[in-house]
């Protein structure tokens, strides 16, 4: 894949162009709800993966287009590549869960989305989640015994679900069936991108 299909979450960012060319090509699922994903938390990791030569794919609970947001304001829409009913965990090297308040809250109500996420844990495939996205991991009962970070308002939920919450820009946890990469907020995206690209490449090598 040399570039995103028209309408996919790609930003023209010359600062990123040509970076991380040594990262192994990986195929990554980006799972989002039909609406509510924070746009920068989708497009920035997507662009970072493209710049490394990887292949991102947009997965949602329904087909068509997803509606991204800039905080509370509607932003762009992007075409879905596969629904969770169509997608196979075995087709992907890793999973990225962007944030946005409404996005993970909606995914928590989808049994198919939760099953898709749990498939990555069951098969030892890495997962990266940022901001409010660990909410969905809590619902999937996937944070027990793990150390992670998130948007600060989630820390009580994470602790109640058996996880250890820390206030750091990026956390890489290998104390479980897979590698879990988490970050707190959009300001952590450079560290988040660097970490998930390296961990996903290592896992797929």
N, C-alpha and C. Protein backbone atom coordinates (compact mmCIF):
# COMPACT_ATOMS: atom_id res chain seq x y z
N UNK A 1 0.86 -1.19 0.00
CA UNK A 1 0.00 0.00 0.00
C UNK A 1 0.89 1.24 0.00
N UNK A 2 0.81 2.02 -1.04
CA UNK A 2 1.69 3.18 -1.16
C UNK A 2 1.07 4.45 -0.62
N UNK A 3 -0.20 4.43 -0.36
CA UNK A 3 -0.86 5.61 0.18
C UNK A 3 -2.30 5.30 0.47
N UNK A 4 -3.00 6.18 1.17
CA UNK A 4 -4.38 5.92 1.56
C UNK A 4 -5.34 6.13 0.41
N UNK A 5 -6.41 5.34 0.32
CA UNK A 5 -7.44 5.62 -0.66
C UNK A 5 -8.04 6.99 -0.41
N UNK A 6 -8.62 7.62 -1.43
CA UNK A 6 -9.22 8.93 -1.23
C UNK A 6 -10.22 8.92 -0.09
N UNK A 7 -10.12 9.94 0.77
CA UNK A 7 -11.04 10.06 1.87
C UNK A 7 -10.61 9.37 3.14
N UNK A 8 -9.51 8.60 3.08
CA UNK A 8 -9.04 7.94 4.29
C UNK A 8 -8.33 8.94 5.18
N UNK A 9 -8.16 8.58 6.46
CA UNK A 9 -7.62 9.54 7.42
C UNK A 9 -6.15 9.83 7.25
N UNK A 10 -5.83 10.62 6.23
CA UNK A 10 -4.43 10.96 5.95
C UNK A 10 -4.27 12.47 5.96
N UNK A 11 -3.26 12.94 6.68
CA UNK A 11 -2.92 14.35 6.66
C UNK A 11 -1.62 14.52 5.92
N UNK A 12 -1.47 15.56 5.12
CA UNK A 12 -0.21 15.85 4.47
C UNK A 12 0.69 16.55 5.48
N UNK A 13 1.65 15.81 6.02
CA UNK A 13 2.51 16.31 7.09
C UNK A 13 3.95 16.11 6.67
N UNK A 14 4.57 17.16 6.16
CA UNK A 14 5.93 17.02 5.63
C UNK A 14 6.93 16.70 6.73
N UNK A 15 6.61 17.04 7.96
CA UNK A 15 7.52 16.73 9.07
C UNK A 15 7.69 15.23 9.23
N UNK A 16 6.63 14.47 8.93
CA UNK A 16 6.70 13.03 9.10
C UNK A 16 7.26 12.32 7.87
N UNK A 17 7.16 12.92 6.71
CA UNK A 17 7.53 12.24 5.48
C UNK A 17 8.97 11.77 5.54
N UNK A 18 9.16 10.49 5.24
CA UNK A 18 10.50 9.94 5.19
C UNK A 18 11.01 9.43 6.52
N UNK A 19 10.29 9.62 7.60
CA UNK A 19 10.74 9.16 8.90
C UNK A 19 10.40 7.70 9.10
N UNK A 20 11.17 7.03 9.98
CA UNK A 20 10.89 5.69 10.44
C UNK A 20 10.85 4.68 9.30
N UNK A 21 11.68 4.86 8.28
CA UNK A 21 11.67 3.94 7.15
C UNK A 21 12.23 2.57 7.51
N UNK A 22 12.89 2.47 8.68
CA UNK A 22 13.47 1.19 9.07
C UNK A 22 12.47 0.29 9.79
N UNK A 23 11.26 0.79 10.01
CA UNK A 23 10.25 0.00 10.72
C UNK A 23 9.67 -1.05 9.78
N UNK A 24 9.56 -2.28 10.27
CA UNK A 24 9.01 -3.37 9.48
C UNK A 24 7.58 -3.05 9.06
N UNK A 25 7.23 -3.40 7.82
CA UNK A 25 5.88 -3.18 7.32
C UNK A 25 4.90 -4.02 8.14
N UNK A 26 3.88 -3.38 8.63
CA UNK A 26 2.87 -4.08 9.41
C UNK A 26 1.48 -3.67 8.92
N UNK A 27 0.51 -4.55 9.13
CA UNK A 27 -0.88 -4.28 8.79
C UNK A 27 -1.64 -4.08 10.10
N UNK A 28 -2.25 -2.92 10.24
CA UNK A 28 -2.81 -2.54 11.53
C UNK A 28 -4.28 -2.16 11.39
N UNK A 29 -5.10 -2.69 12.28
CA UNK A 29 -6.51 -2.32 12.34
C UNK A 29 -6.67 -1.10 13.25
N UNK A 30 -7.42 -0.12 12.78
CA UNK A 30 -7.81 1.04 13.58
C UNK A 30 -9.31 0.89 13.84
N UNK A 31 -9.67 0.58 15.07
CA UNK A 31 -11.07 0.31 15.41
C UNK A 31 -11.71 1.55 16.02
N UNK A 32 -12.81 2.00 15.41
CA UNK A 32 -13.54 3.17 15.91
C UNK A 32 -15.03 2.93 15.79
N UNK A 33 -15.80 3.69 16.56
CA UNK A 33 -17.26 3.67 16.46
C UNK A 33 -17.70 4.49 15.24
N UNK A 34 -18.95 4.35 14.82
CA UNK A 34 -19.42 5.12 13.67
C UNK A 34 -19.30 6.63 13.84
N UNK A 35 -19.32 7.13 15.06
CA UNK A 35 -19.06 8.54 15.29
C UNK A 35 -18.45 8.74 16.67
N UNK A 36 -17.71 9.86 16.80
CA UNK A 36 -17.18 10.23 18.10
C UNK A 36 -15.69 10.11 18.27
N UNK A 37 -14.98 9.53 17.29
CA UNK A 37 -13.53 9.42 17.45
C UNK A 37 -12.89 10.80 17.37
N UNK A 38 -11.88 11.05 18.21
CA UNK A 38 -11.12 12.29 18.14
C UNK A 38 -10.23 12.23 16.91
N UNK A 39 -10.45 13.16 15.96
CA UNK A 39 -9.82 13.03 14.64
C UNK A 39 -8.30 12.93 14.70
N UNK A 40 -7.64 13.78 15.48
CA UNK A 40 -6.18 13.78 15.52
C UNK A 40 -5.63 12.46 16.06
N UNK A 41 -6.40 11.80 16.93
CA UNK A 41 -5.96 10.52 17.49
C UNK A 41 -6.16 9.37 16.52
N UNK A 42 -6.89 9.62 15.45
CA UNK A 42 -7.00 8.67 14.34
C UNK A 42 -5.97 8.99 13.26
N UNK A 43 -5.94 10.26 12.83
CA UNK A 43 -5.11 10.60 11.67
C UNK A 43 -3.62 10.61 11.97
N UNK A 44 -3.23 11.00 13.17
CA UNK A 44 -1.81 11.10 13.47
C UNK A 44 -1.13 9.72 13.50
N UNK A 45 -1.65 8.74 14.26
CA UNK A 45 -1.05 7.40 14.20
C UNK A 45 -1.17 6.77 12.81
N UNK A 46 -2.27 7.04 12.12
CA UNK A 46 -2.47 6.52 10.76
C UNK A 46 -1.35 7.02 9.86
N UNK A 47 -1.08 8.32 9.91
CA UNK A 47 -0.01 8.90 9.10
C UNK A 47 1.36 8.35 9.48
N UNK A 48 1.58 8.17 10.78
CA UNK A 48 2.86 7.63 11.24
C UNK A 48 3.07 6.22 10.69
N UNK A 49 2.02 5.43 10.68
CA UNK A 49 2.12 4.07 10.14
C UNK A 49 2.39 4.10 8.64
N UNK A 50 1.67 4.97 7.92
CA UNK A 50 1.91 5.10 6.48
C UNK A 50 3.35 5.52 6.20
N UNK A 51 3.87 6.46 6.98
CA UNK A 51 5.23 6.95 6.78
C UNK A 51 6.26 5.85 7.01
N UNK A 52 5.92 4.85 7.81
CA UNK A 52 6.83 3.74 8.08
C UNK A 52 6.71 2.64 7.02
N UNK A 53 5.75 2.80 6.10
CA UNK A 53 5.53 1.79 5.08
C UNK A 53 4.48 0.77 5.47
N UNK A 54 3.79 0.99 6.58
CA UNK A 54 2.77 0.06 7.03
C UNK A 54 1.44 0.27 6.35
N UNK A 55 0.50 -0.61 6.63
CA UNK A 55 -0.83 -0.57 6.01
C UNK A 55 -1.91 -0.44 7.07
N UNK A 56 -2.50 0.74 7.23
CA UNK A 56 -3.63 0.90 8.16
C UNK A 56 -4.95 0.54 7.49
N UNK A 57 -5.88 0.02 8.28
CA UNK A 57 -7.22 -0.31 7.79
C UNK A 57 -8.22 0.17 8.83
N UNK A 58 -9.29 0.82 8.35
CA UNK A 58 -10.29 1.38 9.25
C UNK A 58 -11.42 0.38 9.47
N UNK A 59 -11.62 0.01 10.72
CA UNK A 59 -12.63 -0.97 11.12
C UNK A 59 -13.66 -0.27 12.00
N UNK A 60 -14.94 -0.60 11.79
CA UNK A 60 -15.98 -0.03 12.64
C UNK A 60 -17.10 -1.05 12.82
N UNK A 61 -18.05 -0.70 13.64
CA UNK A 61 -19.17 -1.60 13.90
C UNK A 61 -20.19 -1.59 12.77
N UNK A 62 -20.15 -0.57 11.93
CA UNK A 62 -21.03 -0.48 10.77
C UNK A 62 -20.22 -0.02 9.57
N UNK A 63 -20.71 -0.35 8.37
CA UNK A 63 -20.04 0.07 7.16
C UNK A 63 -20.35 1.51 6.81
N UNK A 64 -19.89 1.94 5.64
CA UNK A 64 -20.13 3.32 5.21
C UNK A 64 -18.99 4.23 5.62
N UNK A 65 -19.33 5.34 6.26
CA UNK A 65 -18.33 6.31 6.69
C UNK A 65 -18.47 6.59 8.18
N UNK A 66 -17.36 6.86 8.84
CA UNK A 66 -17.40 7.24 10.25
C UNK A 66 -17.26 8.75 10.35
N UNK A 67 -17.85 9.31 11.39
CA UNK A 67 -17.80 10.75 11.63
C UNK A 67 -16.81 11.03 12.74
N UNK A 68 -15.72 11.72 12.39
CA UNK A 68 -14.72 12.11 13.39
C UNK A 68 -15.10 13.46 14.00
N UNK A 69 -14.49 13.76 15.14
CA UNK A 69 -14.77 15.01 15.85
C UNK A 69 -13.46 15.68 16.26
N UNK A 70 -13.51 17.00 16.31
CA UNK A 70 -12.48 17.79 16.98
C UNK A 70 -13.08 18.24 18.31
N UNK A 71 -12.83 17.47 19.33
CA UNK A 71 -13.46 17.63 20.64
C UNK A 71 -14.98 17.48 20.49
N UNK A 72 -15.75 18.56 20.59
CA UNK A 72 -17.21 18.44 20.49
C UNK A 72 -17.75 18.82 19.13
N UNK A 73 -16.88 19.25 18.22
CA UNK A 73 -17.31 19.71 16.90
C UNK A 73 -17.07 18.65 15.84
N UNK A 74 -18.05 18.47 14.95
CA UNK A 74 -17.88 17.52 13.86
C UNK A 74 -16.70 17.92 12.99
N UNK A 75 -15.92 16.93 12.59
CA UNK A 75 -14.77 17.17 11.72
C UNK A 75 -15.01 16.43 10.40
N UNK A 76 -14.08 15.61 9.97
CA UNK A 76 -14.19 14.93 8.68
C UNK A 76 -14.85 13.56 8.83
N UNK A 77 -15.25 13.00 7.69
CA UNK A 77 -15.74 11.62 7.66
C UNK A 77 -14.74 10.78 6.87
N UNK A 78 -14.69 9.48 7.20
CA UNK A 78 -13.73 8.58 6.57
C UNK A 78 -14.40 7.25 6.25
N UNK A 79 -14.03 6.62 5.12
CA UNK A 79 -14.67 5.36 4.72
C UNK A 79 -14.15 4.17 5.52
N UNK A 80 -15.07 3.31 5.88
CA UNK A 80 -14.74 2.09 6.61
C UNK A 80 -14.25 1.03 5.63
N UNK A 81 -13.15 0.36 5.97
CA UNK A 81 -12.63 -0.72 5.14
C UNK A 81 -13.33 -2.04 5.41
N UNK A 82 -13.59 -2.32 6.68
CA UNK A 82 -14.26 -3.55 7.08
C UNK A 82 -15.06 -3.29 8.35
N UNK A 83 -16.14 -4.03 8.51
CA UNK A 83 -16.84 -4.00 9.79
C UNK A 83 -16.20 -5.05 10.71
N UNK A 84 -16.48 -4.95 12.00
CA UNK A 84 -15.93 -5.94 12.93
C UNK A 84 -16.49 -7.33 12.63
N UNK A 85 -17.68 -7.39 12.03
CA UNK A 85 -18.25 -8.69 11.66
C UNK A 85 -17.48 -9.31 10.49
N UNK A 86 -16.90 -8.48 9.64
CA UNK A 86 -16.16 -8.97 8.48
C UNK A 86 -14.68 -9.19 8.76
N UNK A 87 -14.13 -8.44 9.70
CA UNK A 87 -12.69 -8.44 9.92
C UNK A 87 -12.23 -9.68 10.69
N UNK A 88 -11.01 -10.12 10.36
CA UNK A 88 -10.40 -11.25 11.05
C UNK A 88 -9.16 -10.78 11.79
N UNK A 89 -9.08 -11.10 13.07
CA UNK A 89 -7.91 -10.72 13.86
C UNK A 89 -6.63 -11.23 13.23
N UNK A 90 -6.68 -12.43 12.67
CA UNK A 90 -5.49 -13.06 12.09
C UNK A 90 -4.95 -12.29 10.88
N UNK A 91 -5.74 -11.39 10.32
CA UNK A 91 -5.30 -10.60 9.17
C UNK A 91 -4.46 -9.40 9.57
N UNK A 92 -4.32 -9.14 10.87
CA UNK A 92 -3.66 -7.93 11.34
C UNK A 92 -2.52 -8.25 12.30
N UNK A 93 -1.51 -7.38 12.24
CA UNK A 93 -0.36 -7.50 13.14
C UNK A 93 -0.58 -6.78 14.46
N UNK A 94 -1.51 -5.83 14.49
CA UNK A 94 -1.76 -5.07 15.70
C UNK A 94 -3.04 -4.28 15.59
N UNK A 95 -3.45 -3.67 16.70
CA UNK A 95 -4.70 -2.91 16.79
C UNK A 95 -4.43 -1.57 17.45
N UNK A 96 -4.94 -0.49 16.83
CA UNK A 96 -4.88 0.84 17.42
C UNK A 96 -6.30 1.26 17.80
N UNK A 97 -6.45 1.74 19.03
CA UNK A 97 -7.73 2.25 19.52
C UNK A 97 -7.58 3.74 19.79
N UNK A 98 -8.05 4.59 18.87
CA UNK A 98 -8.04 6.04 19.12
C UNK A 98 -9.08 6.40 20.19
N UNK A 99 -8.98 7.64 20.68
CA UNK A 99 -9.89 8.06 21.73
C UNK A 99 -11.05 8.90 21.24
N UNK A 100 -11.40 9.90 22.05
CA UNK A 100 -12.64 10.63 21.86
C UNK A 100 -13.62 10.09 22.89
N UNK A 101 -14.36 10.93 23.55
CA UNK A 101 -15.21 10.47 24.65
C UNK A 101 -16.32 9.53 24.16
N UNK A 102 -17.04 9.91 23.11
CA UNK A 102 -18.17 9.11 22.65
C UNK A 102 -17.73 7.82 21.96
N UNK A 103 -16.57 7.84 21.33
CA UNK A 103 -16.10 6.70 20.55
C UNK A 103 -15.93 5.43 21.39
N UNK A 104 -15.09 5.42 22.42
CA UNK A 104 -14.95 4.19 23.20
C UNK A 104 -16.21 3.83 23.98
N UNK A 105 -17.00 4.84 24.34
CA UNK A 105 -18.24 4.56 25.06
C UNK A 105 -19.19 3.76 24.18
N UNK A 106 -19.24 4.09 22.88
CA UNK A 106 -20.09 3.35 21.95
C UNK A 106 -19.54 1.94 21.71
N UNK A 107 -18.22 1.82 21.59
CA UNK A 107 -17.63 0.50 21.36
C UNK A 107 -17.87 -0.44 22.53
N UNK A 108 -17.99 0.11 23.72
CA UNK A 108 -18.24 -0.72 24.91
C UNK A 108 -19.57 -1.47 24.81
N UNK A 109 -20.49 -0.93 24.01
CA UNK A 109 -21.82 -1.53 23.88
C UNK A 109 -21.90 -2.54 22.75
N UNK A 110 -20.81 -2.73 22.02
CA UNK A 110 -20.80 -3.64 20.88
C UNK A 110 -20.10 -4.94 21.25
N UNK A 111 -20.85 -6.02 21.32
CA UNK A 111 -20.25 -7.31 21.67
C UNK A 111 -19.26 -7.76 20.61
N UNK A 112 -19.52 -7.41 19.36
CA UNK A 112 -18.59 -7.79 18.29
C UNK A 112 -17.28 -7.01 18.39
N UNK A 113 -17.38 -5.72 18.74
CA UNK A 113 -16.16 -4.93 18.91
C UNK A 113 -15.33 -5.48 20.07
N UNK A 114 -15.99 -5.83 21.16
CA UNK A 114 -15.27 -6.37 22.31
C UNK A 114 -14.64 -7.72 21.98
N UNK A 115 -15.35 -8.54 21.21
CA UNK A 115 -14.79 -9.83 20.80
C UNK A 115 -13.58 -9.64 19.89
N UNK A 116 -13.65 -8.66 19.00
CA UNK A 116 -12.53 -8.36 18.10
C UNK A 116 -11.31 -7.94 18.92
N UNK A 117 -11.52 -7.06 19.89
CA UNK A 117 -10.42 -6.61 20.75
C UNK A 117 -9.84 -7.78 21.53
N UNK A 118 -10.70 -8.59 22.12
CA UNK A 118 -10.22 -9.72 22.91
C UNK A 118 -9.46 -10.72 22.06
N UNK A 119 -9.76 -10.76 20.76
CA UNK A 119 -9.03 -11.65 19.87
C UNK A 119 -7.56 -11.30 19.77
N UNK A 120 -7.23 -10.01 19.88
CA UNK A 120 -5.83 -9.58 19.85
C UNK A 120 -5.11 -10.01 21.12
N UNK A 121 -5.79 -9.94 22.24
CA UNK A 121 -5.19 -10.43 23.49
C UNK A 121 -5.00 -11.95 23.42
N UNK A 122 -6.01 -12.65 22.93
CA UNK A 122 -5.96 -14.12 22.91
C UNK A 122 -4.87 -14.66 22.00
N UNK A 123 -4.55 -13.91 20.95
CA UNK A 123 -3.53 -14.37 19.99
C UNK A 123 -2.18 -13.69 20.19
N UNK A 124 -2.04 -12.89 21.25
CA UNK A 124 -0.76 -12.27 21.56
C UNK A 124 -0.38 -11.12 20.66
N UNK A 125 -1.35 -10.52 19.99
CA UNK A 125 -1.06 -9.39 19.11
C UNK A 125 -1.10 -8.07 19.89
N UNK A 126 -0.19 -7.14 19.57
CA UNK A 126 -0.11 -5.89 20.34
C UNK A 126 -1.30 -4.96 20.10
N UNK A 127 -1.60 -4.17 21.12
CA UNK A 127 -2.67 -3.18 21.07
C UNK A 127 -2.12 -1.85 21.58
N UNK A 128 -2.51 -0.77 20.91
CA UNK A 128 -2.16 0.58 21.35
C UNK A 128 -3.44 1.38 21.53
N UNK A 129 -3.58 2.04 22.67
CA UNK A 129 -4.80 2.80 22.99
C UNK A 129 -4.42 4.14 23.60
N UNK A 130 -5.12 5.19 23.19
CA UNK A 130 -4.79 6.53 23.65
C UNK A 130 -6.01 7.25 24.21
N UNK A 131 -5.78 8.09 25.20
CA UNK A 131 -6.77 9.00 25.77
C UNK A 131 -7.92 8.23 26.42
N UNK A 132 -9.15 8.33 25.90
CA UNK A 132 -10.30 7.64 26.48
C UNK A 132 -10.45 6.20 26.00
N UNK A 133 -9.62 5.77 25.05
CA UNK A 133 -9.78 4.44 24.46
C UNK A 133 -9.69 3.29 25.47
N UNK A 134 -8.88 3.39 26.55
CA UNK A 134 -8.86 2.28 27.50
C UNK A 134 -10.20 1.97 28.17
N UNK A 135 -11.17 2.86 28.05
CA UNK A 135 -12.52 2.56 28.52
C UNK A 135 -13.02 1.25 27.91
N UNK A 136 -12.77 1.08 26.62
CA UNK A 136 -13.21 -0.13 25.94
C UNK A 136 -12.45 -1.34 26.46
N UNK A 137 -11.17 -1.16 26.80
CA UNK A 137 -10.39 -2.26 27.36
C UNK A 137 -10.92 -2.66 28.73
N UNK A 138 -11.39 -1.69 29.50
CA UNK A 138 -12.01 -1.99 30.79
C UNK A 138 -13.24 -2.86 30.58
N UNK A 139 -14.08 -2.49 29.62
CA UNK A 139 -15.29 -3.26 29.33
C UNK A 139 -14.96 -4.67 28.87
N UNK A 140 -13.84 -4.81 28.17
CA UNK A 140 -13.40 -6.12 27.67
C UNK A 140 -12.71 -6.95 28.75
N UNK A 141 -12.63 -6.42 29.97
CA UNK A 141 -11.94 -7.07 31.08
C UNK A 141 -10.50 -7.42 30.70
N UNK A 142 -9.82 -6.44 30.10
CA UNK A 142 -8.49 -6.68 29.56
C UNK A 142 -7.39 -5.89 30.26
N UNK A 143 -7.71 -5.17 31.34
CA UNK A 143 -6.68 -4.37 32.01
C UNK A 143 -6.24 -4.97 33.34
N UNK A 144 -6.85 -6.06 33.74
CA UNK A 144 -6.50 -6.69 35.02
C UNK A 144 -5.04 -7.13 35.01
N UNK A 145 -4.28 -6.66 35.98
CA UNK A 145 -2.88 -7.02 36.08
C UNK A 145 -1.96 -6.24 35.16
N UNK A 146 -2.51 -5.29 34.42
CA UNK A 146 -1.70 -4.52 33.47
C UNK A 146 -1.44 -3.12 34.02
N UNK A 147 -0.35 -2.52 33.59
CA UNK A 147 -0.02 -1.13 33.92
C UNK A 147 -0.24 -0.28 32.68
N UNK A 148 -1.01 0.79 32.82
CA UNK A 148 -1.34 1.61 31.66
C UNK A 148 -1.65 3.03 32.09
N UNK A 149 -1.78 3.88 31.09
CA UNK A 149 -2.20 5.25 31.32
C UNK A 149 -3.39 5.56 30.43
N UNK A 150 -3.94 6.76 30.58
CA UNK A 150 -5.14 7.16 29.85
C UNK A 150 -5.41 8.62 30.17
N UNK A 151 -6.50 9.13 29.62
CA UNK A 151 -7.02 10.41 30.10
C UNK A 151 -7.30 10.26 31.59
N UNK A 152 -6.94 11.26 32.41
CA UNK A 152 -7.00 11.09 33.87
C UNK A 152 -8.35 10.66 34.43
N UNK A 153 -9.44 11.03 33.77
CA UNK A 153 -10.76 10.69 34.32
C UNK A 153 -11.04 9.19 34.31
N UNK A 154 -10.21 8.41 33.61
CA UNK A 154 -10.42 6.96 33.55
C UNK A 154 -9.69 6.20 34.64
N UNK A 155 -8.85 6.89 35.42
CA UNK A 155 -7.97 6.14 36.32
C UNK A 155 -8.73 5.32 37.35
N UNK A 156 -9.85 5.83 37.86
CA UNK A 156 -10.62 5.05 38.84
C UNK A 156 -11.22 3.81 38.19
N UNK A 157 -11.75 3.95 36.97
CA UNK A 157 -12.30 2.80 36.26
C UNK A 157 -11.23 1.74 36.03
N UNK A 158 -10.04 2.18 35.64
CA UNK A 158 -8.94 1.24 35.38
C UNK A 158 -8.53 0.53 36.66
N UNK A 159 -8.41 1.28 37.74
CA UNK A 159 -8.03 0.66 39.01
C UNK A 159 -9.11 -0.30 39.50
N UNK A 160 -10.38 0.08 39.35
CA UNK A 160 -11.47 -0.80 39.77
C UNK A 160 -11.53 -2.08 38.94
N UNK A 161 -11.00 -2.01 37.71
CA UNK A 161 -10.97 -3.18 36.83
C UNK A 161 -9.71 -4.02 37.02
N UNK A 162 -8.89 -3.66 38.02
CA UNK A 162 -7.72 -4.46 38.33
C UNK A 162 -6.43 -4.01 37.69
N UNK A 163 -6.45 -2.86 37.02
CA UNK A 163 -5.24 -2.34 36.39
C UNK A 163 -4.52 -1.36 37.29
N UNK A 164 -3.28 -1.06 36.93
CA UNK A 164 -2.49 -0.05 37.62
C UNK A 164 -2.37 1.16 36.71
N UNK A 165 -2.87 2.31 37.16
CA UNK A 165 -2.86 3.53 36.35
C UNK A 165 -1.67 4.39 36.74
N UNK A 166 -0.93 4.88 35.73
CA UNK A 166 0.20 5.77 35.97
C UNK A 166 0.07 7.00 35.08
N UNK A 167 0.63 8.10 35.53
CA UNK A 167 0.56 9.37 34.79
C UNK A 167 1.88 9.57 34.04
N UNK A 168 1.97 8.97 32.85
CA UNK A 168 3.17 9.07 32.02
C UNK A 168 2.75 9.25 30.57
N UNK A 169 3.59 9.89 29.74
CA UNK A 169 3.23 10.14 28.34
C UNK A 169 2.95 8.87 27.55
N UNK A 170 3.73 7.83 27.79
CA UNK A 170 3.50 6.55 27.12
C UNK A 170 3.93 5.43 28.05
N UNK A 171 3.14 4.37 28.07
CA UNK A 171 3.43 3.20 28.89
C UNK A 171 3.41 1.97 28.00
N UNK A 172 4.46 1.17 28.08
CA UNK A 172 4.54 -0.10 27.36
C UNK A 172 4.51 -1.22 28.39
N UNK A 173 3.47 -2.02 28.36
CA UNK A 173 3.29 -3.09 29.34
C UNK A 173 3.32 -4.45 28.64
N UNK A 174 4.21 -5.32 29.11
CA UNK A 174 4.32 -6.68 28.57
C UNK A 174 3.92 -7.74 29.59
N UNK A 175 3.28 -7.31 30.67
CA UNK A 175 2.89 -8.23 31.74
C UNK A 175 1.52 -8.83 31.45
N UNK A 176 1.45 -9.60 30.38
CA UNK A 176 0.19 -10.19 29.96
C UNK A 176 0.39 -10.97 28.68
N UNK A 177 -0.70 -11.33 28.02
CA UNK A 177 -0.59 -12.16 26.81
C UNK A 177 -0.05 -11.41 25.60
N UNK A 178 -0.02 -10.08 25.68
CA UNK A 178 0.43 -9.28 24.54
C UNK A 178 1.10 -8.02 25.05
N UNK A 179 1.59 -7.21 24.11
CA UNK A 179 2.13 -5.89 24.43
C UNK A 179 1.00 -4.87 24.38
N UNK A 180 0.92 -4.03 25.41
CA UNK A 180 -0.10 -2.99 25.48
C UNK A 180 0.60 -1.64 25.59
N UNK A 181 0.34 -0.76 24.60
CA UNK A 181 0.91 0.58 24.56
C UNK A 181 -0.21 1.57 24.83
N UNK A 182 -0.02 2.47 25.80
CA UNK A 182 -1.06 3.45 26.10
C UNK A 182 -0.46 4.84 26.30
N UNK A 183 -1.26 5.85 25.98
CA UNK A 183 -0.89 7.25 26.20
C UNK A 183 -2.09 8.02 26.71
N UNK A 184 -1.83 9.25 27.22
CA UNK A 184 -2.85 10.00 27.96
C UNK A 184 -3.73 10.90 27.11
N UNK A 185 -3.14 11.54 26.07
CA UNK A 185 -3.83 12.66 25.42
C UNK A 185 -3.17 12.97 24.08
N UNK A 186 -3.80 13.83 23.25
CA UNK A 186 -3.21 14.17 21.96
C UNK A 186 -1.79 14.71 22.05
N UNK A 187 -1.46 15.42 23.13
CA UNK A 187 -0.11 15.95 23.27
C UNK A 187 0.96 14.87 23.38
N UNK A 188 0.53 13.64 23.68
CA UNK A 188 1.47 12.52 23.79
C UNK A 188 1.64 11.78 22.47
N UNK A 189 0.99 12.22 21.41
CA UNK A 189 1.00 11.47 20.15
C UNK A 189 2.40 11.18 19.60
N UNK A 190 3.36 12.11 19.63
CA UNK A 190 4.69 11.75 19.12
C UNK A 190 5.30 10.54 19.83
N UNK A 191 5.19 10.50 21.16
CA UNK A 191 5.71 9.36 21.92
C UNK A 191 4.88 8.11 21.67
N UNK A 192 3.57 8.27 21.57
CA UNK A 192 2.66 7.15 21.30
C UNK A 192 2.99 6.52 19.95
N UNK A 193 3.12 7.35 18.92
CA UNK A 193 3.42 6.84 17.58
C UNK A 193 4.74 6.07 17.57
N UNK A 194 5.75 6.66 18.15
CA UNK A 194 7.07 6.03 18.16
C UNK A 194 7.01 4.68 18.87
N UNK A 195 6.30 4.63 19.98
CA UNK A 195 6.23 3.40 20.77
C UNK A 195 5.45 2.31 20.06
N UNK A 196 4.26 2.65 19.54
CA UNK A 196 3.47 1.58 18.94
C UNK A 196 4.10 1.07 17.66
N UNK A 197 4.73 1.93 16.87
CA UNK A 197 5.39 1.47 15.66
C UNK A 197 6.51 0.49 15.98
N UNK A 198 7.32 0.81 16.96
CA UNK A 198 8.43 -0.07 17.34
C UNK A 198 7.92 -1.39 17.89
N UNK A 199 6.91 -1.33 18.76
CA UNK A 199 6.40 -2.56 19.37
C UNK A 199 5.67 -3.43 18.37
N UNK A 200 4.90 -2.83 17.47
CA UNK A 200 4.17 -3.61 16.47
C UNK A 200 5.15 -4.26 15.50
N UNK A 201 6.19 -3.53 15.10
CA UNK A 201 7.19 -4.09 14.19
C UNK A 201 7.92 -5.26 14.84
N UNK A 202 8.27 -5.11 16.11
CA UNK A 202 8.97 -6.18 16.82
C UNK A 202 8.09 -7.42 16.94
N UNK A 203 6.80 -7.21 17.19
CA UNK A 203 5.89 -8.34 17.37
C UNK A 203 5.65 -9.09 16.07
N UNK A 204 5.73 -8.38 14.94
CA UNK A 204 5.44 -9.01 13.64
C UNK A 204 6.69 -9.54 12.96
N UNK A 205 7.88 -9.26 13.52
CA UNK A 205 9.14 -9.68 12.89
C UNK A 205 9.30 -11.20 12.93
